[in-house]
PDB file of N, CA and C in Angstrom:
ATOM      1  N   MET A   1       4.884 -15.030  -0.297  1.00  0.00           N
ATOM      2  CA  MET A   1       4.843 -13.576  -1.278  1.00  0.00           C
ATOM      3  C   MET A   1       6.170 -13.435  -1.944  1.00  0.00           C
ATOM      4  N   GLU A   2       6.243 -13.155  -3.217  1.00  0.00           N
ATOM      5  CA  GLU A   2       7.665 -12.927  -3.873  1.00  0.00           C
ATOM      6  C   GLU A   2       7.719 -11.361  -4.540  1.00  0.00           C
ATOM      7  N   LEU A   3       8.263 -10.800  -4.127  1.00  0.00           N
ATOM      8  CA  LEU A   3       8.342  -9.427  -5.255  1.00  0.00           C
ATOM      9  C   LEU A   3       9.441  -9.201  -6.118  1.00  0.00           C
ATOM     10  N   SER A   4       9.201  -8.846  -7.487  1.00  0.00           N
ATOM     11  CA  SER A   4      10.266  -8.540  -8.506  1.00  0.00           C
ATOM     12  C   SER A   4      10.168  -7.404  -9.160  1.00  0.00           C
ATOM     13  N   TYR A   5      11.121  -6.969  -9.640  1.00  0.00           N
ATOM     14  CA  TYR A   5      11.310  -5.814 -10.518  1.00  0.00           C
ATOM     15  C   TYR A   5      11.847  -6.142 -11.684  1.00  0.00           C
ATOM     16  N   ASP A   6      11.457  -5.711 -12.891  1.00  0.00           N
ATOM     17  CA  ASP A   6      12.090  -6.049 -14.076  1.00  0.00           C
ATOM     18  C   ASP A   6      12.725  -4.755 -14.861  1.00  0.00           C
ATOM     19  N   GLY A   7      12.544  -3.557 -14.320  1.00  0.00           N
ATOM     20  CA  GLY A   7      13.107  -2.252 -14.506  1.00  0.00           C
ATOM     21  C   GLY A   7      11.852  -1.166 -15.150  1.00  0.00           C
ATOM     22  N   GLU A   8      10.879  -2.007 -15.219  1.00  0.00           N
ATOM     23  CA  GLU A   8       9.680  -1.321 -15.613  1.00  0.00           C
ATOM     24  C   GLU A   8       8.112  -1.447 -14.594  1.00  0.00           C
ATOM     25  N   LYS A   9       7.992  -2.574 -14.277  1.00  0.00           N
ATOM     26  CA  LYS A   9       7.213  -2.785 -13.491  1.00  0.00           C
ATOM     27  C   LYS A   9       7.459  -3.840 -11.961  1.00  0.00           C
ATOM     28  N   TYR A  10       6.979  -3.856 -11.058  1.00  0.00           N
ATOM     29  CA  TYR A  10       6.862  -4.548  -9.780  1.00  0.00           C
ATOM     30  C   TYR A  10       5.706  -5.611  -9.772  1.00  0.00           C
ATOM     31  N   THR A  11       6.288  -6.978  -9.338  1.00  0.00           N
ATOM     32  CA  THR A  11       5.391  -8.056  -9.728  1.00  0.00           C
ATOM     33  C   THR A  11       5.308  -8.603  -8.465  1.00  0.00           C
ATOM     34  N   LEU A  12       4.026  -8.920  -7.850  1.00  0.00           N
ATOM     35  CA  LEU A  12       3.945  -9.695  -6.663  1.00  0.00           C
ATOM     36  C   LEU A  12       3.399 -10.933  -7.078  1.00  0.00           C
ATOM     37  N   LEU A  13       4.021 -12.019  -6.602  1.00  0.00           N
ATOM     38  CA  LEU A  13       3.294 -13.564  -6.908  1.00  0.00           C
ATOM     39  C   LEU A  13       3.113 -14.143  -5.555  1.00  0.00           C
ATOM     40  N   GLN A  14       1.807 -14.488  -5.475  1.00  0.00           N
ATOM     41  CA  GLN A  14       1.219 -15.260  -4.384  1.00  0.00           C
ATOM     42  C   GLN A  14       0.902 -16.450  -4.403  1.00  0.00           C
ATOM     43  N   THR A  15       1.150 -17.515  -3.500  1.00  0.00           N
ATOM     44  CA  THR A  15       0.585 -18.708  -3.828  1.00  0.00           C
ATOM     45  C   THR A  15      -0.553 -18.741  -2.526  1.00  0.00           C
ATOM     46  N   GLU A  16      -1.706 -19.294  -2.724  1.00  0.00           N
ATOM     47  CA  GLU A  16      -2.727 -19.438  -1.827  1.00  0.00           C
ATOM     48  C   GLU A  16      -3.589 -20.754  -2.207  1.00  0.00           C
ATOM     49  N   ASP A  17      -3.646 -21.775  -0.913  1.00  0.00           N
ATOM     50  CA  ASP A  17      -4.384 -23.019  -1.321  1.00  0.00           C
ATOM     51  C   ASP A  17      -3.928 -23.391  -2.437  1.00  0.00           C
ATOM     52  N   GLY A  18      -2.284 -23.650  -3.151  1.00  0.00           N
ATOM     53  CA  GLY A  18      -2.089 -24.085  -4.162  1.00  0.00           C
ATOM     54  C   GLY A  18      -2.313 -23.500  -5.638  1.00  0.00           C
ATOM     55  N   LYS A  19      -2.872 -21.896  -5.605  1.00  0.00           N
ATOM     56  CA  LYS A  19      -3.217 -21.522  -6.784  1.00  0.00           C
ATOM     57  C   LYS A  19      -2.373 -20.138  -6.598  1.00  0.00           C
ATOM     58  N   GLU A  20      -1.872 -19.899  -7.639  1.00  0.00           N
ATOM     59  CA  GLU A  20      -0.787 -18.516  -7.842  1.00  0.00           C
ATOM     60  C   GLU A  20      -1.909 -17.625  -8.448  1.00  0.00           C
ATOM     61  N   TYR A  21      -1.239 -16.311  -7.518  1.00  0.00           N
ATOM     62  CA  TYR A  21      -1.922 -15.187  -8.183  1.00  0.00           C
ATOM     63  C   TYR A  21      -0.814 -13.727  -8.296  1.00  0.00           C
ATOM     64  N   VAL A  22      -1.125 -13.287  -9.566  1.00  0.00           N
ATOM     65  CA  VAL A  22      -0.031 -12.302  -9.813  1.00  0.00           C
ATOM     66  C   VAL A  22      -0.654 -10.925 -10.055  1.00  0.00           C
ATOM     67  N   ASP A  23      -0.036  -9.990  -9.343  1.00  0.00           N
ATOM     68  CA  ASP A  23      -0.291  -8.590  -9.298  1.00  0.00           C
ATOM     69  C   ASP A  23       0.936  -7.611 -10.030  1.00  0.00           C
ATOM     70  N   ALA A  24       0.717  -6.847 -10.755  1.00  0.00           N
ATOM     71  CA  ALA A  24       1.522  -5.694 -11.099  1.00  0.00           C
ATOM     72  C   ALA A  24       1.317  -4.344 -10.853  1.00  0.00           C
ATOM     73  N   TYR A  25       2.449  -3.521 -10.478  1.00  0.00           N
ATOM     74  CA  TYR A  25       2.216  -2.026 -10.109  1.00  0.00           C
ATOM     75  C   TYR A  25       3.312  -1.235 -10.626  1.00  0.00           C
ATOM     76  N   ASN A  26       3.170  -0.416 -11.345  1.00  0.00           N
ATOM     77  CA  ASN A  26       4.047   0.565 -11.972  1.00  0.00           C
ATOM     78  C   ASN A  26       5.014   1.306 -11.045  1.00  0.00           C
ATOM     79  N   TYR A  27       4.400   1.315  -9.792  1.00  0.00           N
ATOM     80  CA  TYR A  27       5.402   2.338  -8.841  1.00  0.00           C
ATOM     81  C   TYR A  27       5.402   1.802  -7.592  1.00  0.00           C
ATOM     82  N   LEU A  28       6.569   2.151  -6.881  1.00  0.00           N
ATOM     83  CA  LEU A  28       7.005   1.738  -5.387  1.00  0.00           C
ATOM     84  C   LEU A  28       7.054   3.129  -5.044  1.00  0.00           C
ATOM     85  N   VAL A  29       6.095   3.442  -3.610  1.00  0.00           N
ATOM     86  CA  VAL A  29       6.206   4.757  -3.228  1.00  0.00           C
ATOM     87  C   VAL A  29       6.389   5.000  -1.664  1.00  0.00           C
ATOM     88  N   LYS A  30       6.828   5.908  -1.324  1.00  0.00           N
ATOM     89  CA  LYS A  30       7.408   5.835   0.071  1.00  0.00           C
ATOM     90  C   LYS A  30       6.400   6.949   0.821  1.00  0.00           C
ATOM     91  N   TYR A  31       5.716   6.663   1.797  1.00  0.00           N
ATOM     92  CA  TYR A  31       4.586   7.672   2.458  1.00  0.00           C
ATOM     93  C   TYR A  31       5.245   7.720   3.877  1.00  0.00           C
ATOM     94  N   THR A  32       5.348   8.759   4.358  1.00  0.00           N
ATOM     95  CA  THR A  32       5.540   9.118   5.867  1.00  0.00           C
ATOM     96  C   THR A  32       4.664  10.267   6.372  1.00  0.00           C
ATOM     97  N   GLY A  33       4.475  10.140   7.956  1.00  0.00           N
ATOM     98  CA  GLY A  33       3.810  11.155   8.334  1.00  0.00           C
ATOM     99  C   GLY A  33       3.128  10.743   9.678  1.00  0.00           C
ATOM    100  N   GLU A  34       1.963  11.297  10.044  1.00  0.00           N
ATOM    101  CA  GLU A  34       1.451  11.239  11.353  1.00  0.00           C
ATOM    102  C   GLU A  34       0.102  10.857  11.089  1.00  0.00           C
ATOM    103  N   PRO A  35      -0.597   9.912  11.875  1.00  0.00           N
ATOM    104  CA  PRO A  35      -1.773   9.618  11.812  1.00  0.00           C
ATOM    105  C   PRO A  35      -3.045  10.612  11.929  1.00  0.00           C
ATOM    106  N   ARG A  36      -4.254  10.458  10.974  1.00  0.00           N
ATOM    107  CA  ARG A  36      -5.129  11.528  11.472  1.00  0.00           C
ATOM    108  C   ARG A  36      -5.379  11.717  12.786  1.00  0.00           C
ATOM    109  N   GLY A  37      -5.895  10.603  13.312  1.00  0.00           N
ATOM    110  CA  GLY A  37      -6.519  11.065  14.517  1.00  0.00           C
ATOM    111  C   GLY A  37      -5.889  10.645  15.959  1.00  0.00           C
ATOM    112  N   ASN A  38      -6.330  11.031  16.921  1.00  0.00           N
ATOM    113  CA  ASN A  38      -5.795  11.028  18.480  1.00  0.00           C
ATOM    114  C   ASN A  38      -5.607   9.584  19.168  1.00  0.00           C
ATOM    115  N   SER A  39      -6.672   9.084  18.178  1.00  0.00           N
ATOM    116  CA  SER A  39      -6.493   7.432  18.839  1.00  0.00           C
ATOM    117  C   SER A  39      -5.774   6.353  18.318  1.00  0.00           C
ATOM    118  N   ALA A  40      -4.940   6.889  17.568  1.00  0.00           N
ATOM    119  CA  ALA A  40      -3.972   5.769  17.086  1.00  0.00           C
ATOM    120  C   ALA A  40      -2.739   5.715  17.849  1.00  0.00           C
ATOM    121  N   THR A  41      -2.574   4.298  18.019  1.00  0.00           N
ATOM    122  CA  THR A  41      -1.199   3.945  18.813  1.00  0.00           C
ATOM    123  C   THR A  41      -0.067   4.036  18.592  1.00  0.00           C
ATOM    124  N   PHE A  42       0.214   4.853  17.505  1.00  0.00           N
ATOM    125  CA  PHE A  42       1.407   5.265  17.143  1.00  0.00           C
ATOM    126  C   PHE A  42       1.705   6.472  16.560  1.00  0.00           C
ATOM    127  N   SER A  43       2.819   7.167  16.439  1.00  0.00           N
ATOM    128  CA  SER A  43       2.784   8.787  16.546  1.00  0.00           C
ATOM    129  C   SER A  43       3.291   9.113  14.982  1.00  0.00           C
ATOM    130  N   GLU A  44       4.272   8.159  14.198  1.00  0.00           N
ATOM    131  CA  GLU A  44       4.598   8.615  12.914  1.00  0.00           C
ATOM    132  C   GLU A  44       4.474   7.338  12.178  1.00  0.00           C
ATOM    133  N   TYR A  45       4.219   7.188  11.037  1.00  0.00           N
ATOM    134  CA  TYR A  45       4.392   6.189   9.997  1.00  0.00           C
ATOM    135  C   TYR A  45       5.354   6.279   8.720  1.00  0.00           C
ATOM    136  N   THR A  46       5.904   5.122   8.369  1.00  0.00           N
ATOM    137  CA  THR A  46       6.631   4.966   7.158  1.00  0.00           C
ATOM    138  C   THR A  46       6.049   3.560   6.074  1.00  0.00           C
ATOM    139  N   TYR A  47       5.495   3.947   5.100  1.00  0.00           N
ATOM    140  CA  TYR A  47       5.034   2.852   4.265  1.00  0.00           C
ATOM    141  C   TYR A  47       5.795   2.952   3.098  1.00  0.00           C
ATOM    142  N   TYR A  48       5.933   1.504   2.371  1.00  0.00           N
ATOM    143  CA  TYR A  48       6.296   1.631   0.937  1.00  0.00           C
ATOM    144  C   TYR A  48       5.223   0.673   0.350  1.00  0.00           C
ATOM    145  N   VAL A  49       4.473   1.600  -0.530  1.00  0.00           N
ATOM    146  CA  VAL A  49       3.292   0.885  -1.002  1.00  0.00           C
ATOM    147  C   VAL A  49       3.590   0.830  -2.824  1.00  0.00           C
ATOM    148  N   LEU A  50       3.092  -0.404  -3.055  1.00  0.00           N
ATOM    149  CA  LEU A  50       2.895  -0.375  -4.706  1.00  0.00           C
ATOM    150  C   LEU A  50       1.774   0.004  -5.393  1.00  0.00           C
ATOM    151  N   VAL A  51       1.819   0.952  -6.248  1.00  0.00           N
ATOM    152  CA  VAL A  51       0.602   1.909  -6.872  1.00  0.00           C
ATOM    153  C   VAL A  51       0.707   1.661  -8.219  1.00  0.00           C
ATOM    154  N   ASN A  52      -0.412   2.105  -9.021  1.00  0.00           N
ATOM    155  CA  ASN A  52       0.014   2.188 -10.143  1.00  0.00           C
ATOM    156  C   ASN A  52      -0.425   3.748 -10.697  1.00  0.00           C
ATOM    157  N   ASP A  53      -0.578   4.839  -9.510  1.00  0.00           N
ATOM    158  CA  ASP A  53      -0.552   6.103  -9.830  1.00  0.00           C
ATOM    159  C   ASP A  53       0.317   6.781  -8.906  1.00  0.00           C
ATOM    160  N   SER A  54       1.531   7.328  -9.367  1.00  0.00           N
ATOM    161  CA  SER A  54       2.440   7.942  -8.753  1.00  0.00           C
ATOM    162  C   SER A  54       1.851   9.152  -7.723  1.00  0.00           C
ATOM    163  N   SER A  55       1.149   9.566  -8.215  1.00  0.00           N
ATOM    164  CA  SER A  55       0.466  11.005  -7.974  1.00  0.00           C
ATOM    165  C   SER A  55      -0.535  11.059  -6.566  1.00  0.00           C
ATOM    166  N   LEU A  56      -0.884   9.347  -6.150  1.00  0.00           N
ATOM    167  CA  LEU A  56      -1.572   9.387  -5.176  1.00  0.00           C
ATOM    168  C   LEU A  56      -0.684   9.885  -3.546  1.00  0.00           C
ATOM    169  N   THR A  57      -1.638   9.882  -2.712  1.00  0.00           N
ATOM    170  CA  THR A  57      -1.032  10.476  -1.582  1.00  0.00           C
ATOM    171  C   THR A  57      -1.737   8.969  -0.684  1.00  0.00           C
ATOM    172  N   TRP A  58      -1.096   9.062   0.363  1.00  0.00           N
ATOM    173  CA  TRP A  58      -1.564   8.281   1.405  1.00  0.00           C
ATOM    174  C   TRP A  58      -2.826   8.421   1.788  1.00  0.00           C
ATOM    175  N   GLN A  59      -3.335   9.694   2.262  1.00  0.00           N
ATOM    176  CA  GLN A  59      -4.625   9.702   2.575  1.00  0.00           C
ATOM    177  C   GLN A  59      -5.810   9.461   1.515  1.00  0.00           C
ATOM    178  N   ASP A  60      -5.408   9.873   0.154  1.00  0.00           N
ATOM    179  CA  ASP A  60      -6.103   9.060  -0.947  1.00  0.00           C
ATOM    180  C   ASP A  60      -6.561   7.657  -0.656  1.00  0.00           C
ATOM    181  N   ILE A  61      -5.200   6.646  -0.279  1.00  0.00           N
ATOM    182  CA  ILE A  61      -5.507   5.280  -0.066  1.00  0.00           C
ATOM    183  C   ILE A  61      -6.439   5.319   1.105  1.00  0.00           C
ATOM    184  N   GLU A  62      -6.061   5.617   2.116  1.00  0.00           N
ATOM    185  CA  GLU A  62      -6.436   5.747   3.373  1.00  0.00           C
ATOM    186  C   GLU A  62      -8.304   5.904   2.930  1.00  0.00           C
ATOM    187  N   ASN A  63      -8.617   6.750   2.444  1.00  0.00           N
ATOM    188  CA  ASN A  63      -9.984   7.366   2.114  1.00  0.00           C
ATOM    189  C   ASN A  63     -10.514   6.228   1.582  1.00  0.00           C
ATOM    190  N   GLY A  64      -9.683   5.446   0.073  1.00  0.00           N
ATOM    191  CA  GLY A  64     -10.565   4.509  -0.321  1.00  0.00           C
ATOM    192  C   GLY A  64     -10.768   3.267   0.411  1.00  0.00           C
ATOM    193  N   MET A  65      -9.561   3.146   1.611  1.00  0.00           N
ATOM    194  CA  MET A  65     -10.155   1.884   2.201  1.00  0.00           C
ATOM    195  C   MET A  65     -11.037   1.971   3.326  1.00  0.00           C
ATOM    196  N   LEU A  66     -11.435   3.463   3.766  1.00  0.00           N
ATOM    197  CA  LEU A  66     -12.622   3.582   4.639  1.00  0.00           C
ATOM    198  C   LEU A  66     -13.875   4.091   4.200  1.00  0.00           C
ATOM    199  N   SER A  67     -13.751   4.132   2.960  1.00  0.00           N
ATOM    200  CA  SER A  67     -15.122   4.393   2.327  1.00  0.00           C
ATOM    201  C   SER A  67     -16.223   3.474   2.010  1.00  0.00           C
ATOM    202  N   SER A  68     -17.433   3.708   2.313  1.00  0.00           N
ATOM    203  CA  SER A  68     -18.301   2.722   2.081  1.00  0.00           C
ATOM    204  C   SER A  68     -18.917   2.669   0.605  1.00  0.00           C
ATOM    205  N   GLN A  69     -18.440   3.704  -0.225  1.00  0.00           N
ATOM    206  CA  GLN A  69     -18.757   3.567  -1.548  1.00  0.00           C
ATOM    207  C   GLN A  69     -18.073   2.902  -2.417  1.00  0.00           C
ATOM    208  N   SER A  70     -18.921   2.004  -3.218  1.00  0.00           N
ATOM    209  CA  SER A  70     -18.662   0.892  -4.062  1.00  0.00           C
ATOM    210  C   SER A  70     -17.346   2.022  -5.112  1.00  0.00           C
ATOM    211  N   GLY A  71     -16.451   0.852  -5.628  1.00  0.00           N
ATOM    212  CA  GLY A  71     -15.365   1.511  -6.456  1.00  0.00           C
ATOM    213  C   GLY A  71     -14.443   2.227  -5.758  1.00  0.00           C
ATOM    214  N   ALA A  72     -14.504   3.029  -4.496  1.00  0.00           N
ATOM    215  CA  ALA A  72     -13.880   3.808  -4.230  1.00  0.00           C
ATOM    216  C   ALA A  72     -12.340   3.152  -3.525  1.00  0.00           C
ATOM    217  N   TRP A  73     -12.150   1.716  -3.470  1.00  0.00           N
ATOM    218  CA  TRP A  73     -10.932   1.289  -2.974  1.00  0.00           C
ATOM    219  C   TRP A  73     -10.071   1.557  -4.070  1.00  0.00           C
ATOM    220  N   ILE A  74      -8.777   1.832  -3.790  1.00  0.00           N
ATOM    221  CA  ILE A  74      -7.494   2.373  -4.994  1.00  0.00           C
ATOM    222  C   ILE A  74      -6.852   0.828  -4.673  1.00  0.00           C
ATOM    223  N   ASP A  75      -6.351   0.426  -5.879  1.00  0.00           N
ATOM    224  CA  ASP A  75      -5.454  -0.758  -5.950  1.00  0.00           C
ATOM    225  C   ASP A  75      -4.450  -0.596  -5.457  1.00  0.00           C
ATOM    226  N   HIS A  76      -3.661  -1.147  -4.408  1.00  0.00           N
ATOM    227  CA  HIS A  76      -2.346  -0.767  -3.939  1.00  0.00           C
ATOM    228  C   HIS A  76      -2.183  -2.002  -3.020  1.00  0.00           C
ATOM    229  N   ARG A  77      -0.831  -2.203  -2.686  1.00  0.00           N
ATOM    230  CA  ARG A  77      -0.079  -3.306  -1.915  1.00  0.00           C
ATOM    231  C   ARG A  77       0.979  -2.711  -0.791  1.00  0.00           C
ATOM    232  N   THR A  78       0.772  -2.489   0.105  1.00  0.00           N
ATOM    233  CA  THR A  78       1.635  -2.110   1.285  1.00  0.00           C
ATOM    234  C   THR A  78       3.004  -3.292   1.524  1.00  0.00           C
ATOM    235  N   VAL A  79       3.833  -2.983   1.191  1.00  0.00           N
ATOM    236  CA  VAL A  79       4.991  -3.958   1.080  1.00  0.00           C
ATOM    237  C   VAL A  79       5.975  -3.746   2.515  1.00  0.00           C
ATOM    238  N   TYR A  80       5.841  -2.783   2.963  1.00  0.00           N
ATOM    239  CA  TYR A  80       6.486  -2.701   4.555  1.00  0.00           C
ATOM    240  C   TYR A  80       6.210  -1.373   5.026  1.00  0.00           C
ATOM    241  N   SER A  81       5.816  -1.610   6.277  1.00  0.00           N
ATOM    242  CA  SER A  81       5.409  -0.508   6.963  1.00  0.00           C
ATOM    243  C   SER A  81       6.271  -0.424   8.404  1.00  0.00           C
ATOM    244  N   ASP A  82       6.772   0.731   8.918  1.00  0.00           N
ATOM    245  CA  ASP A  82       7.686   0.880  10.210  1.00  0.00           C
ATOM    246  C   ASP A  82       6.496   1.916  10.710  1.00  0.00           C
ATOM    247  N   LEU A  83       6.234   1.631  12.244  1.00  0.00           N
ATOM    248  CA  LEU A  83       5.569   2.519  13.074  1.00  0.00           C
ATOM    249  C   LEU A  83       6.333   2.791  14.136  1.00  0.00           C
ATOM    250  N   THR A  84       6.382   4.320  14.493  1.00  0.00           N
ATOM    251  CA  THR A  84       7.097   4.549  15.766  1.00  0.00           C
ATOM    252  C   THR A  84       5.685   5.057  16.763  1.00  0.00           C
ATOM    253  N   TYR A  85       5.995   4.044  17.828  1.00  0.00           N
ATOM    254  CA  TYR A  85       4.737   3.958  18.779  1.00  0.00           C
ATOM    255  C   TYR A  85       4.672   5.201  19.710  1.00  0.00           C
ATOM    256  N   LYS A  86       4.029   5.774  20.205  1.00  0.00           N
ATOM    257  CA  LYS A  86       3.972   6.510  21.224  1.00  0.00           C
ATOM    258  C   LYS A  86       4.288   5.994  22.703  1.00  0.00           C
TER     259      LYS A  86
END
């Protein structure tokens, strides 16, 4: 995976099975916090995430990932994560 920034957009280039995939995002956002539930094995997180809407919260993204509703998923790409374990 290759990440580049041209001053306006972040571009991810991936090659899988000889085929190239390109995704572009407007923002790189840093999210920090604590997990929602007590069952998590970590106590704090830091995520750097590529998104197209800078007003999104990590909870918005997480809700989209966990939803069973079609179309609830929010386009994003986590490029770095750091977890503090209990």
